[in-house]
């Protein structure tokens, strides 16, 4: 389950931010996760809850926003939303799409004390 690794990396990043900005607790984390990022939001939420025990983020709420995938069609030149890899262009039906977004995970907001 790579979501546990992601949760641990997130906690490492939160600890670094706490040191940089002098806060002691994380109360809420709002994440944006791309639909093409191969991350299961439910598994990540569970992993975060387990991995955060005993850390500055213990008991913190984790809000996950799903971000649509985006691609550029080499056939018609359109920039389109996609739901998965291998999708066809919704404009022209072509299959030559280059992913341009929706693969990453970003911290959007932190509520700290």
PDB file of N, CA and C in Angstrom:
ATOM      1  N   UNK A   1       0.868  -1.177   0.000  1.00  0.00           N
ATOM      2  CA  UNK A   1       0.000   0.000   0.000  1.00  0.00           C
ATOM      3  C   UNK A   1       0.905   1.227   0.000  1.00  0.00           C
ATOM      4  N   UNK A   2       1.041   1.867  -1.132  1.00  0.00           N
ATOM      5  CA  UNK A   2       1.924   3.027  -1.211  1.00  0.00           C
ATOM      6  C   UNK A   2       1.319   4.260  -0.546  1.00  0.00           C
ATOM      7  N   UNK A   3       0.049   4.218  -0.212  1.00  0.00           N
ATOM      8  CA  UNK A   3      -0.563   5.331   0.496  1.00  0.00           C
ATOM      9  C   UNK A   3       0.071   5.543   1.870  1.00  0.00           C
ATOM     10  N   UNK A   4       0.544   4.472   2.499  1.00  0.00           N
ATOM     11  CA  UNK A   4       1.232   4.618   3.783  1.00  0.00           C
ATOM     12  C   UNK A   4       2.536   5.403   3.593  1.00  0.00           C
ATOM     13  N   UNK A   5       3.248   5.124   2.528  1.00  0.00           N
ATOM     14  CA  UNK A   5       4.467   5.886   2.225  1.00  0.00           C
ATOM     15  C   UNK A   5       4.135   7.349   1.957  1.00  0.00           C
ATOM     16  N   UNK A   6       3.043   7.588   1.256  1.00  0.00           N
ATOM     17  CA  UNK A   6       2.620   8.968   0.988  1.00  0.00           C
ATOM     18  C   UNK A   6       2.241   9.679   2.284  1.00  0.00           C
ATOM     19  N   UNK A   7       1.544   8.976   3.174  1.00  0.00           N
ATOM     20  CA  UNK A   7       1.155   9.572   4.454  1.00  0.00           C
ATOM     21  C   UNK A   7       2.394   9.911   5.282  1.00  0.00           C
ATOM     22  N   UNK A   8       3.364   9.031   5.289  1.00  0.00           N
ATOM     23  CA  UNK A   8       4.601   9.298   6.034  1.00  0.00           C
ATOM     24  C   UNK A   8       5.359  10.480   5.438  1.00  0.00           C
ATOM     25  N   UNK A   9       5.397  10.562   4.113  1.00  0.00           N
ATOM     26  CA  UNK A   9       6.059  11.697   3.453  1.00  0.00           C
ATOM     27  C   UNK A   9       5.333  12.995   3.769  1.00  0.00           C
ATOM     28  N   UNK A  10       4.010  12.940   3.809  1.00  0.00           N
ATOM     29  CA  UNK A  10       3.212  14.114   4.167  1.00  0.00           C
ATOM     30  C   UNK A  10       3.528  14.553   5.592  1.00  0.00           C
ATOM     31  N   UNK A  11       3.625  13.617   6.506  1.00  0.00           N
ATOM     32  CA  UNK A  11       3.949  13.943   7.896  1.00  0.00           C
ATOM     33  C   UNK A  11       5.357  14.535   8.021  1.00  0.00           C
ATOM     34  N   UNK A  12       6.286  14.046   7.244  1.00  0.00           N
ATOM     35  CA  UNK A  12       7.640  14.618   7.229  1.00  0.00           C
ATOM     36  C   UNK A  12       7.592  16.064   6.757  1.00  0.00           C
ATOM     37  N   UNK A  13       6.805  16.310   5.716  1.00  0.00           N
ATOM     38  CA  UNK A  13       6.663  17.668   5.205  1.00  0.00           C
ATOM     39  C   UNK A  13       5.984  18.573   6.233  1.00  0.00           C
ATOM     40  N   UNK A  14       4.988  18.068   6.921  1.00  0.00           N
ATOM     41  CA  UNK A  14       4.312  18.861   7.955  1.00  0.00           C
ATOM     42  C   UNK A  14       5.266  19.199   9.092  1.00  0.00           C
ATOM     43  N   UNK A  15       6.113  18.253   9.477  1.00  0.00           N
ATOM     44  CA  UNK A  15       7.086  18.511  10.545  1.00  0.00           C
ATOM     45  C   UNK A  15       8.085  19.584  10.109  1.00  0.00           C
ATOM     46  N   UNK A  16       8.500  19.545   8.868  1.00  0.00           N
ATOM     47  CA  UNK A  16       9.421  20.567   8.362  1.00  0.00           C
ATOM     48  C   UNK A  16       8.760  21.941   8.349  1.00  0.00           C
ATOM     49  N   UNK A  17       7.495  21.994   7.960  1.00  0.00           N
ATOM     50  CA  UNK A  17       6.763  23.261   7.957  1.00  0.00           C
ATOM     51  C   UNK A  17       6.563  23.778   9.382  1.00  0.00           C
ATOM     52  N   UNK A  18       6.326  22.864  10.317  1.00  0.00           N
ATOM     53  CA  UNK A  18       6.169  23.264  11.725  1.00  0.00           C
ATOM     54  C   UNK A  18       7.447  23.897  12.249  1.00  0.00           C
ATOM     55  N   UNK A  19       8.573  23.327  11.874  1.00  0.00           N
ATOM     56  CA  UNK A  19       9.850  23.887  12.302  1.00  0.00           C
ATOM     57  C   UNK A  19      10.087  25.254  11.646  1.00  0.00           C
ATOM     58  N   UNK A  20       9.772  25.343  10.372  1.00  0.00           N
ATOM     59  CA  UNK A  20      10.001  26.584   9.623  1.00  0.00           C
ATOM     60  C   UNK A  20       9.093  27.718  10.088  1.00  0.00           C
ATOM     61  N   UNK A  21       7.842  27.391  10.433  1.00  0.00           N
ATOM     62  CA  UNK A  21       6.860  28.426  10.770  1.00  0.00           C
ATOM     63  C   UNK A  21       6.444  28.433  12.241  1.00  0.00           C
ATOM     64  N   UNK A  22       7.105  27.653  13.052  1.00  0.00           N
ATOM     65  CA  UNK A  22       6.922  27.646  14.504  1.00  0.00           C
ATOM     66  C   UNK A  22       5.482  27.392  14.948  1.00  0.00           C
ATOM     67  N   UNK A  23       4.922  26.292  14.493  1.00  0.00           N
ATOM     68  CA  UNK A  23       3.639  25.857  15.054  1.00  0.00           C
ATOM     69  C   UNK A  23       3.825  24.484  15.683  1.00  0.00           C
ATOM     70  N   UNK A  24       2.941  24.172  16.633  1.00  0.00           N
ATOM     71  CA  UNK A  24       3.113  22.954  17.417  1.00  0.00           C
ATOM     72  C   UNK A  24       2.164  21.824  17.026  1.00  0.00           C
ATOM     73  N   UNK A  25       1.021  22.186  16.446  1.00  0.00           N
ATOM     74  CA  UNK A  25       0.014  21.172  16.104  1.00  0.00           C
ATOM     75  C   UNK A  25      -0.601  21.458  14.758  1.00  0.00           C
ATOM     76  N   UNK A  26      -0.948  20.392  14.081  1.00  0.00           N
ATOM     77  CA  UNK A  26      -1.711  20.478  12.838  1.00  0.00           C
ATOM     78  C   UNK A  26      -3.128  20.024  13.165  1.00  0.00           C
ATOM     79  N   UNK A  27      -4.087  20.890  12.884  1.00  0.00           N
ATOM     80  CA  UNK A  27      -5.482  20.564  13.174  1.00  0.00           C
ATOM     81  C   UNK A  27      -6.232  20.046  11.945  1.00  0.00           C
ATOM     82  N   UNK A  28      -5.855  20.565  10.771  1.00  0.00           N
ATOM     83  CA  UNK A  28      -6.538  20.175   9.533  1.00  0.00           C
ATOM     84  C   UNK A  28      -5.554  20.314   8.372  1.00  0.00           C
ATOM     85  N   UNK A  29      -5.624  19.344   7.466  1.00  0.00           N
ATOM     86  CA  UNK A  29      -4.837  19.373   6.240  1.00  0.00           C
ATOM     87  C   UNK A  29      -5.804  19.226   5.078  1.00  0.00           C
ATOM     88  N   UNK A  30      -5.717  20.146   4.127  1.00  0.00           N
ATOM     89  CA  UNK A  30      -6.514  20.031   2.910  1.00  0.00           C
ATOM     90  C   UNK A  30      -5.577  19.690   1.767  1.00  0.00           C
ATOM     91  N   UNK A  31      -5.811  18.521   1.168  1.00  0.00           N
ATOM     92  CA  UNK A  31      -4.986  18.045   0.065  1.00  0.00           C
ATOM     93  C   UNK A  31      -5.766  18.079  -1.234  1.00  0.00           C
ATOM     94  N   UNK A  32      -5.077  18.334  -2.321  1.00  0.00           N
ATOM     95  CA  UNK A  32      -5.624  18.177  -3.665  1.00  0.00           C
ATOM     96  C   UNK A  32      -4.883  17.002  -4.286  1.00  0.00           C
ATOM     97  N   UNK A  33      -5.632  16.010  -4.738  1.00  0.00           N
ATOM     98  CA  UNK A  33      -5.036  14.811  -5.326  1.00  0.00           C
ATOM     99  C   UNK A  33      -5.586  14.642  -6.730  1.00  0.00           C
ATOM    100  N   UNK A  34      -4.690  14.548  -7.689  1.00  0.00           N
ATOM    101  CA  UNK A  34      -5.079  14.377  -9.081  1.00  0.00           C
ATOM    102  C   UNK A  34      -5.697  13.016  -9.335  1.00  0.00           C
ATOM    103  N   UNK A  35      -6.702  13.011 -10.185  1.00  0.00           N
ATOM    104  CA  UNK A  35      -7.407  11.776 -10.521  1.00  0.00           C
ATOM    105  C   UNK A  35      -6.506  10.766 -11.228  1.00  0.00           C
ATOM    106  N   UNK A  36      -5.414  11.245 -11.815  1.00  0.00           N
ATOM    107  CA  UNK A  36      -4.496  10.362 -12.521  1.00  0.00           C
ATOM    108  C   UNK A  36      -3.276  10.005 -11.679  1.00  0.00           C
ATOM    109  N   UNK A  37      -3.316  10.340 -10.398  1.00  0.00           N
ATOM    110  CA  UNK A  37      -2.171  10.151  -9.522  1.00  0.00           C
ATOM    111  C   UNK A  37      -2.042   8.786  -8.889  1.00  0.00           C
ATOM    112  N   UNK A  38      -2.945   7.865  -9.173  1.00  0.00           N
ATOM    113  CA  UNK A  38      -2.885   6.506  -8.630  1.00  0.00           C
ATOM    114  C   UNK A  38      -2.889   6.498  -7.107  1.00  0.00           C
ATOM    115  N   UNK A  39      -3.699   7.374  -6.502  1.00  0.00           N
ATOM    116  CA  UNK A  39      -3.819   7.431  -5.053  1.00  0.00           C
ATOM    117  C   UNK A  39      -5.274   7.157  -4.683  1.00  0.00           C
ATOM    118  N   UNK A  40      -5.485   6.211  -3.795  1.00  0.00           N
ATOM    119  CA  UNK A  40      -6.825   5.915  -3.289  1.00  0.00           C
ATOM    120  C   UNK A  40      -7.068   6.829  -2.084  1.00  0.00           C
ATOM    121  N   UNK A  41      -7.993   7.802  -2.211  1.00  0.00           N
ATOM    122  CA  UNK A  41      -8.223   8.749  -1.114  1.00  0.00           C
ATOM    123  C   UNK A  41      -8.604   8.085   0.204  1.00  0.00           C
ATOM    124  N   UNK A  42      -9.411   7.038   0.155  1.00  0.00           N
ATOM    125  CA  UNK A  42      -9.811   6.352   1.389  1.00  0.00           C
ATOM    126  C   UNK A  42      -8.617   5.666   2.049  1.00  0.00           C
ATOM    127  N   UNK A  43      -7.786   5.027   1.239  1.00  0.00           N
ATOM    128  CA  UNK A  43      -6.595   4.364   1.779  1.00  0.00           C
ATOM    129  C   UNK A  43      -5.625   5.395   2.347  1.00  0.00           C
ATOM    130  N   UNK A  44      -5.490   6.538   1.680  1.00  0.00           N
ATOM    131  CA  UNK A  44      -4.602   7.588   2.180  1.00  0.00           C
ATOM    132  C   UNK A  44      -5.123   8.140   3.504  1.00  0.00           C
ATOM    133  N   UNK A  45      -6.430   8.355   3.606  1.00  0.00           N
ATOM    134  CA  UNK A  45      -7.011   8.866   4.851  1.00  0.00           C
ATOM    135  C   UNK A  45      -6.762   7.888   5.998  1.00  0.00           C
ATOM    136  N   UNK A  46      -6.933   6.604   5.734  1.00  0.00           N
ATOM    137  CA  UNK A  46      -6.683   5.595   6.764  1.00  0.00           C
ATOM    138  C   UNK A  46      -5.207   5.576   7.148  1.00  0.00           C
ATOM    139  N   UNK A  47      -4.324   5.597   6.156  1.00  0.00           N
ATOM    140  CA  UNK A  47      -2.881   5.575   6.414  1.00  0.00           C
ATOM    141  C   UNK A  47      -2.450   6.810   7.197  1.00  0.00           C
ATOM    142  N   UNK A  48      -3.021   7.971   6.866  1.00  0.00           N
ATOM    143  CA  UNK A  48      -2.682   9.200   7.575  1.00  0.00           C
ATOM    144  C   UNK A  48      -3.107   9.102   9.038  1.00  0.00           C
ATOM    145  N   UNK A  49      -4.291   8.569   9.277  1.00  0.00           N
ATOM    146  CA  UNK A  49      -4.779   8.423  10.655  1.00  0.00           C
ATOM    147  C   UNK A  49      -3.855   7.519  11.463  1.00  0.00           C
ATOM    148  N   UNK A  50      -3.436   6.427  10.882  1.00  0.00           N
ATOM    149  CA  UNK A  50      -2.559   5.473  11.573  1.00  0.00           C
ATOM    150  C   UNK A  50      -1.162   6.066  11.766  1.00  0.00           C
ATOM    151  N   UNK A  51      -0.593   6.618  10.694  1.00  0.00           N
ATOM    152  CA  UNK A  51       0.796   7.106  10.744  1.00  0.00           C
ATOM    153  C   UNK A  51       0.949   8.367  11.594  1.00  0.00           C
ATOM    154  N   UNK A  52      -0.130   9.133  11.761  1.00  0.00           N
ATOM    155  CA  UNK A  52      -0.021  10.403  12.485  1.00  0.00           C
ATOM    156  C   UNK A  52      -0.086  10.249  14.000  1.00  0.00           C
ATOM    157  N   UNK A  53      -0.411   9.061  14.486  1.00  0.00           N
ATOM    158  CA  UNK A  53      -0.467   8.852  15.944  1.00  0.00           C
ATOM    159  C   UNK A  53       0.896   9.187  16.550  1.00  0.00           C
ATOM    160  N   UNK A  54       0.868  10.014  17.587  1.00  0.00           N
ATOM    161  CA  UNK A  54       2.088  10.395  18.266  1.00  0.00           C
ATOM    162  C   UNK A  54       2.888  11.495  17.573  1.00  0.00           C
ATOM    163  N   UNK A  55       2.315  12.101  16.542  1.00  0.00           N
ATOM    164  CA  UNK A  55       3.004  13.187  15.826  1.00  0.00           C
ATOM    165  C   UNK A  55       2.251  14.496  16.045  1.00  0.00           C
ATOM    166  N   UNK A  56       2.767  15.577  15.491  1.00  0.00           N
ATOM    167  CA  UNK A  56       2.100  16.869  15.610  1.00  0.00           C
ATOM    168  C   UNK A  56       0.768  16.908  14.868  1.00  0.00           C
ATOM    169  N   UNK A  57       0.498  15.901  14.049  1.00  0.00           N
ATOM    170  CA  UNK A  57      -0.752  15.852  13.299  1.00  0.00           C
ATOM    171  C   UNK A  57      -1.726  14.807  13.845  1.00  0.00           C
ATOM    172  N   UNK A  58      -1.446  14.268  15.020  1.00  0.00           N
ATOM    173  CA  UNK A  58      -2.342  13.276  15.613  1.00  0.00           C
ATOM    174  C   UNK A  58      -3.735  13.869  15.775  1.00  0.00           C
ATOM    175  N   UNK A  59      -4.726  13.175  15.265  1.00  0.00           N
ATOM    176  CA  UNK A  59      -6.107  13.629  15.368  1.00  0.00           C
ATOM    177  C   UNK A  59      -6.502  14.704  14.362  1.00  0.00           C
ATOM    178  N   UNK A  60      -5.586  15.100  13.493  1.00  0.00           N
ATOM    179  CA  UNK A  60      -5.890  16.146  12.510  1.00  0.00           C
ATOM    180  C   UNK A  60      -6.890  15.635  11.484  1.00  0.00           C
ATOM    181  N   UNK A  61      -7.760  16.529  11.044  1.00  0.00           N
ATOM    182  CA  UNK A  61      -8.692  16.201   9.974  1.00  0.00           C
ATOM    183  C   UNK A  61      -7.947  16.249   8.649  1.00  0.00           C
ATOM    184  N   UNK A  62      -8.261  15.317   7.774  1.00  0.00           N
ATOM    185  CA  UNK A  62      -7.670  15.286   6.439  1.00  0.00           C
ATOM    186  C   UNK A  62      -8.791  15.443   5.423  1.00  0.00           C
ATOM    187  N   UNK A  63      -8.805  16.581   4.748  1.00  0.00           N
ATOM    188  CA  UNK A  63      -9.798  16.846   3.704  1.00  0.00           C
ATOM    189  C   UNK A  63      -9.137  16.630   2.355  1.00  0.00           C
ATOM    190  N   UNK A  64      -9.734  15.775   1.541  1.00  0.00           N
ATOM    191  CA  UNK A  64      -9.140  15.448   0.245  1.00  0.00           C
ATOM    192  C   UNK A  64     -10.057  15.934  -0.869  1.00  0.00           C
ATOM    193  N   UNK A  65      -9.489  16.748  -1.735  1.00  0.00           N
ATOM    194  CA  UNK A  65     -10.187  17.257  -2.918  1.00  0.00           C
ATOM    195  C   UNK A  65      -9.623  16.516  -4.125  1.00  0.00           C
ATOM    196  N   UNK A  66     -10.495  15.931  -4.933  1.00  0.00           N
ATOM    197  CA  UNK A  66     -10.052  15.256  -6.160  1.00  0.00           C
ATOM    198  C   UNK A  66      -9.971  16.288  -7.282  1.00  0.00           C
ATOM    199  N   UNK A  67      -8.858  16.289  -7.993  1.00  0.00           N
ATOM    200  CA  UNK A  67      -8.632  17.204  -9.106  1.00  0.00           C
ATOM    201  C   UNK A  67      -8.701  16.386 -10.391  1.00  0.00           C
ATOM    202  N   UNK A  68      -9.471  16.857 -11.350  1.00  0.00           N
ATOM    203  CA  UNK A  68      -9.637  16.136 -12.615  1.00  0.00           C
ATOM    204  C   UNK A  68      -8.312  16.037 -13.353  1.00  0.00           C
ATOM    205  N   UNK A  69      -8.190  14.994 -14.126  1.00  0.00           N
ATOM    206  CA  UNK A  69      -7.033  14.865 -15.002  1.00  0.00           C
ATOM    207  C   UNK A  69      -7.190  15.808 -16.187  1.00  0.00           C
ATOM    208  N   UNK A  70      -6.076  16.205 -16.751  1.00  0.00           N
ATOM    209  CA  UNK A  70      -6.091  17.097 -17.908  1.00  0.00           C
ATOM    210  C   UNK A  70      -5.111  16.565 -18.945  1.00  0.00           C
ATOM    211  N   UNK A  71      -5.451  16.783 -20.214  1.00  0.00           N
ATOM    212  CA  UNK A  71      -4.588  16.311 -21.291  1.00  0.00           C
ATOM    213  C   UNK A  71      -4.710  17.241 -22.492  1.00  0.00           C
ATOM    214  N   UNK A  72      -3.706  17.140 -23.347  1.00  0.00           N
ATOM    215  CA  UNK A  72      -3.703  17.885 -24.610  1.00  0.00           C
ATOM    216  C   UNK A  72      -3.811  16.844 -25.722  1.00  0.00           C
ATOM    217  N   UNK A  73      -4.745  17.060 -26.627  1.00  0.00           N
ATOM    218  CA  UNK A  73      -4.953  16.140 -27.740  1.00  0.00           C
ATOM    219  C   UNK A  73      -4.028  16.537 -28.890  1.00  0.00           C
ATOM    220  N   UNK A  74      -3.195  15.605 -29.301  1.00  0.00           N
ATOM    221  CA  UNK A  74      -2.299  15.867 -30.422  1.00  0.00           C
ATOM    222  C   UNK A  74      -3.046  15.841 -31.749  1.00  0.00           C
ATOM    223  N   UNK A  75      -4.238  15.232 -31.761  1.00  0.00           N
ATOM    224  CA  UNK A  75      -5.029  15.152 -32.987  1.00  0.00           C
ATOM    225  C   UNK A  75      -5.721  16.457 -33.344  1.00  0.00           C
ATOM    226  N   UNK A  76      -6.442  17.035 -32.357  1.00  0.00           N
ATOM    227  CA  UNK A  76      -7.222  18.247 -32.647  1.00  0.00           C
ATOM    228  C   UNK A  76      -6.689  19.489 -31.949  1.00  0.00           C
ATOM    229  N   UNK A  77      -5.703  19.318 -31.062  1.00  0.00           N
ATOM    230  CA  UNK A  77      -5.107  20.455 -30.379  1.00  0.00           C
ATOM    231  C   UNK A  77      -5.878  20.955 -29.176  1.00  0.00           C
ATOM    232  N   UNK A  78      -6.934  20.254 -28.780  1.00  0.00           N
ATOM    233  CA  UNK A  78      -7.761  20.694 -27.653  1.00  0.00           C
ATOM    234  C   UNK A  78      -7.127  20.296 -26.322  1.00  0.00           C
ATOM    235  N   UNK A  79      -7.326  21.135 -25.318  1.00  0.00           N
ATOM    236  CA  UNK A  79      -6.982  20.799 -23.940  1.00  0.00           C
ATOM    237  C   UNK A  79      -8.267  20.305 -23.290  1.00  0.00           C
ATOM    238  N   UNK A  80      -8.249  19.079 -22.775  1.00  0.00           N
ATOM    239  CA  UNK A  80      -9.470  18.424 -22.319  1.00  0.00           C
ATOM    240  C   UNK A  80      -9.300  17.817 -20.935  1.00  0.00           C
ATOM    241  N   UNK A  81     -10.416  17.600 -20.266  1.00  0.00           N
ATOM    242  CA  UNK A  81     -10.447  16.872 -18.997  1.00  0.00           C
ATOM    243  C   UNK A  81     -10.527  15.382 -19.312  1.00  0.00           C
ATOM    244  N   UNK A  82      -9.793  14.578 -18.538  1.00  0.00           N
ATOM    245  CA  UNK A  82      -9.828  13.124 -18.704  1.00  0.00           C
ATOM    246  C   UNK A  82     -10.024  12.482 -17.342  1.00  0.00           C
ATOM    247  N   UNK A  83     -10.608  11.299 -17.358  1.00  0.00           N
ATOM    248  CA  UNK A  83     -10.880  10.593 -16.109  1.00  0.00           C
ATOM    249  C   UNK A  83      -9.855   9.505 -15.833  1.00  0.00           C
ATOM    250  N   UNK A  84      -9.169   9.075 -16.872  1.00  0.00           N
ATOM    251  CA  UNK A  84      -8.163   8.037 -16.693  1.00  0.00           C
ATOM    252  C   UNK A  84      -7.210   7.986 -17.861  1.00  0.00           C
ATOM    253  N   UNK A  85      -6.107   7.321 -17.624  1.00  0.00           N
ATOM    254  CA  UNK A  85      -5.149   7.140 -18.715  1.00  0.00           C
ATOM    255  C   UNK A  85      -5.789   6.228 -19.752  1.00  0.00           C
ATOM    256  N   UNK A  86      -5.521   6.490 -20.988  1.00  0.00           N
ATOM    257  CA  UNK A  86      -6.118   5.681 -22.046  1.00  0.00           C
ATOM    258  C   UNK A  86      -7.454   6.214 -22.525  1.00  0.00           C
ATOM    259  N   UNK A  87      -7.952   7.287 -21.906  1.00  0.00           N
ATOM    260  CA  UNK A  87      -9.189   7.910 -22.385  1.00  0.00           C
ATOM    261  C   UNK A  87      -8.971   8.447 -23.791  1.00  0.00           C
ATOM    262  N   UNK A  88     -10.059   8.560 -24.515  1.00  0.00           N
ATOM    263  CA  UNK A  88     -10.035   9.176 -25.829  1.00  0.00           C
ATOM    264  C   UNK A  88     -10.437  10.638 -25.702  1.00  0.00           C
ATOM    265  N   UNK A  89     -10.039  11.432 -26.666  1.00  0.00           N
ATOM    266  CA  UNK A  89     -10.365  12.854 -26.658  1.00  0.00           C
ATOM    267  C   UNK A  89     -11.879  13.035 -26.752  1.00  0.00           C
ATOM    268  N   UNK A  90     -12.477  13.760 -25.804  1.00  0.00           N
ATOM    269  CA  UNK A  90     -13.922  13.986 -25.858  1.00  0.00           C
ATOM    270  C   UNK A  90     -14.331  14.933 -26.987  1.00  0.00           C
ATOM    271  N   UNK A  91     -13.383  15.631 -27.578  1.00  0.00           N
ATOM    272  CA  UNK A  91     -13.692  16.560 -28.680  1.00  0.00           C
ATOM    273  C   UNK A  91     -13.690  15.850 -30.029  1.00  0.00           C
ATOM    274  N   UNK A  92     -12.613  15.085 -30.315  1.00  0.00           N
ATOM    275  CA  UNK A  92     -12.482  14.487 -31.647  1.00  0.00           C
ATOM    276  C   UNK A  92     -12.490  12.965 -31.641  1.00  0.00           C
ATOM    277  N   UNK A  93     -12.428  12.359 -30.462  1.00  0.00           N
ATOM    278  CA  UNK A  93     -12.413  10.903 -30.368  1.00  0.00           C
ATOM    279  C   UNK A  93     -11.040  10.287 -30.571  1.00  0.00           C
ATOM    280  N   UNK A  94     -10.032  11.119 -30.769  1.00  0.00           N
ATOM    281  CA  UNK A  94      -8.674  10.620 -30.994  1.00  0.00           C
ATOM    282  C   UNK A  94      -8.065  10.018 -29.748  1.00  0.00           C
ATOM    283  N   UNK A  95      -7.063   9.185 -29.964  1.00  0.00           N
ATOM    284  CA  UNK A  95      -6.426   8.497 -28.850  1.00  0.00           C
ATOM    285  C   UNK A  95      -5.022   8.968 -28.542  1.00  0.00           C
ATOM    286  N   UNK A  96      -4.646  10.106 -29.085  1.00  0.00           N
ATOM    287  CA  UNK A  96      -3.286  10.603 -28.863  1.00  0.00           C
ATOM    288  C   UNK A  96      -3.317  11.776 -27.894  1.00  0.00           C
ATOM    289  N   UNK A  97      -3.454  11.451 -26.611  1.00  0.00           N
ATOM    290  CA  UNK A  97      -3.508  12.469 -25.564  1.00  0.00           C
ATOM    291  C   UNK A  97      -2.218  12.478 -24.764  1.00  0.00           C
ATOM    292  N   UNK A  98      -1.770  13.672 -24.437  1.00  0.00           N
ATOM    293  CA  UNK A  98      -0.602  13.848 -23.581  1.00  0.00           C
ATOM    294  C   UNK A  98      -1.101  14.446 -22.269  1.00  0.00           C
ATOM    295  N   UNK A  99      -0.855  13.740 -21.177  1.00  0.00           N
ATOM    296  CA  UNK A  99      -1.312  14.200 -19.861  1.00  0.00           C
ATOM    297  C   UNK A  99      -0.593  15.496 -19.493  1.00  0.00           C
ATOM    298  N   UNK A 100      -1.382  16.491 -19.069  1.00  0.00           N
ATOM    299  CA  UNK A 100      -0.817  17.791 -18.676  1.00  0.00           C
ATOM    300  C   UNK A 100      -1.133  18.160 -17.232  1.00  0.00           C
ATOM    301  N   UNK A 101      -1.961  17.385 -16.553  1.00  0.00           N
ATOM    302  CA  UNK A 101      -2.289  17.694 -15.165  1.00  0.00           C
ATOM    303  C   UNK A 101      -3.103  16.594 -14.519  1.00  0.00           C
ATOM    304  N   UNK A 102      -3.209  16.686 -13.197  1.00  0.00           N
ATOM    305  CA  UNK A 102      -4.016  15.719 -12.453  1.00  0.00           C
ATOM    306  C   UNK A 102      -3.244  14.507 -11.991  1.00  0.00           C
ATOM    307  N   UNK A 103      -1.901  14.612 -11.944  1.00  0.00           N
ATOM    308  CA  UNK A 103      -1.084  13.494 -11.497  1.00  0.00           C
ATOM    309  C   UNK A 103      -0.484  13.706 -10.116  1.00  0.00           C
ATOM    310  N   UNK A 104      -0.601  14.895  -9.568  1.00  0.00           N
ATOM    311  CA  UNK A 104       0.138  15.228  -8.359  1.00  0.00           C
ATOM    312  C   UNK A 104      -0.738  15.304  -7.117  1.00  0.00           C
ATOM    313  N   UNK A 105      -0.058  15.445  -5.981  1.00  0.00           N
ATOM    314  CA  UNK A 105      -0.726  15.633  -4.697  1.00  0.00           C
ATOM    315  C   UNK A 105      -0.116  16.876  -4.072  1.00  0.00           C
ATOM    316  N   UNK A 106      -0.954  17.823  -3.694  1.00  0.00           N
ATOM    317  CA  UNK A 106      -0.475  19.089  -3.139  1.00  0.00           C
ATOM    318  C   UNK A 106      -1.224  19.430  -1.860  1.00  0.00           C
ATOM    319  N   UNK A 107      -0.497  20.025  -0.926  1.00  0.00           N
ATOM    320  CA  UNK A 107      -1.151  20.587   0.248  1.00  0.00           C
ATOM    321  C   UNK A 107      -1.745  21.914  -0.168  1.00  0.00           C
ATOM    322  N   UNK A 108      -3.044  22.051  -0.021  1.00  0.00           N
ATOM    323  CA  UNK A 108      -3.720  23.320  -0.376  1.00  0.00           C
ATOM    324  C   UNK A 108      -3.829  24.259   0.814  1.00  0.00           C
ATOM    325  N   UNK A 109      -4.138  23.705   1.986  1.00  0.00           N
ATOM    326  CA  UNK A 109      -4.326  24.528   3.187  1.00  0.00           C
ATOM    327  C   UNK A 109      -3.918  23.729   4.420  1.00  0.00           C
ATOM    328  N   UNK A 110      -3.455  24.460   5.409  1.00  0.00           N
ATOM    329  CA  UNK A 110      -3.177  23.880   6.722  1.00  0.00           C
ATOM    330  C   UNK A 110      -3.857  24.735   7.782  1.00  0.00           C
ATOM    331  N   UNK A 111      -4.468  24.088   8.747  1.00  0.00           N
ATOM    332  CA  UNK A 111      -4.961  24.769   9.945  1.00  0.00           C
ATOM    333  C   UNK A 111      -4.072  24.276  11.076  1.00  0.00           C
ATOM    334  N   UNK A 112      -3.396  25.215  11.739  1.00  0.00           N
ATOM    335  CA  UNK A 112      -2.408  24.862  12.739  1.00  0.00           C
ATOM    336  C   UNK A 112      -2.624  25.627  14.045  1.00  0.00           C
ATOM    337  N   UNK A 113      -1.969  25.178  15.076  1.00  0.00           N
ATOM    338  CA  UNK A 113      -2.030  25.855  16.376  1.00  0.00           C
ATOM    339  C   UNK A 113      -0.640  25.929  16.967  1.00  0.00           C
TER     340      UNK A 113
END
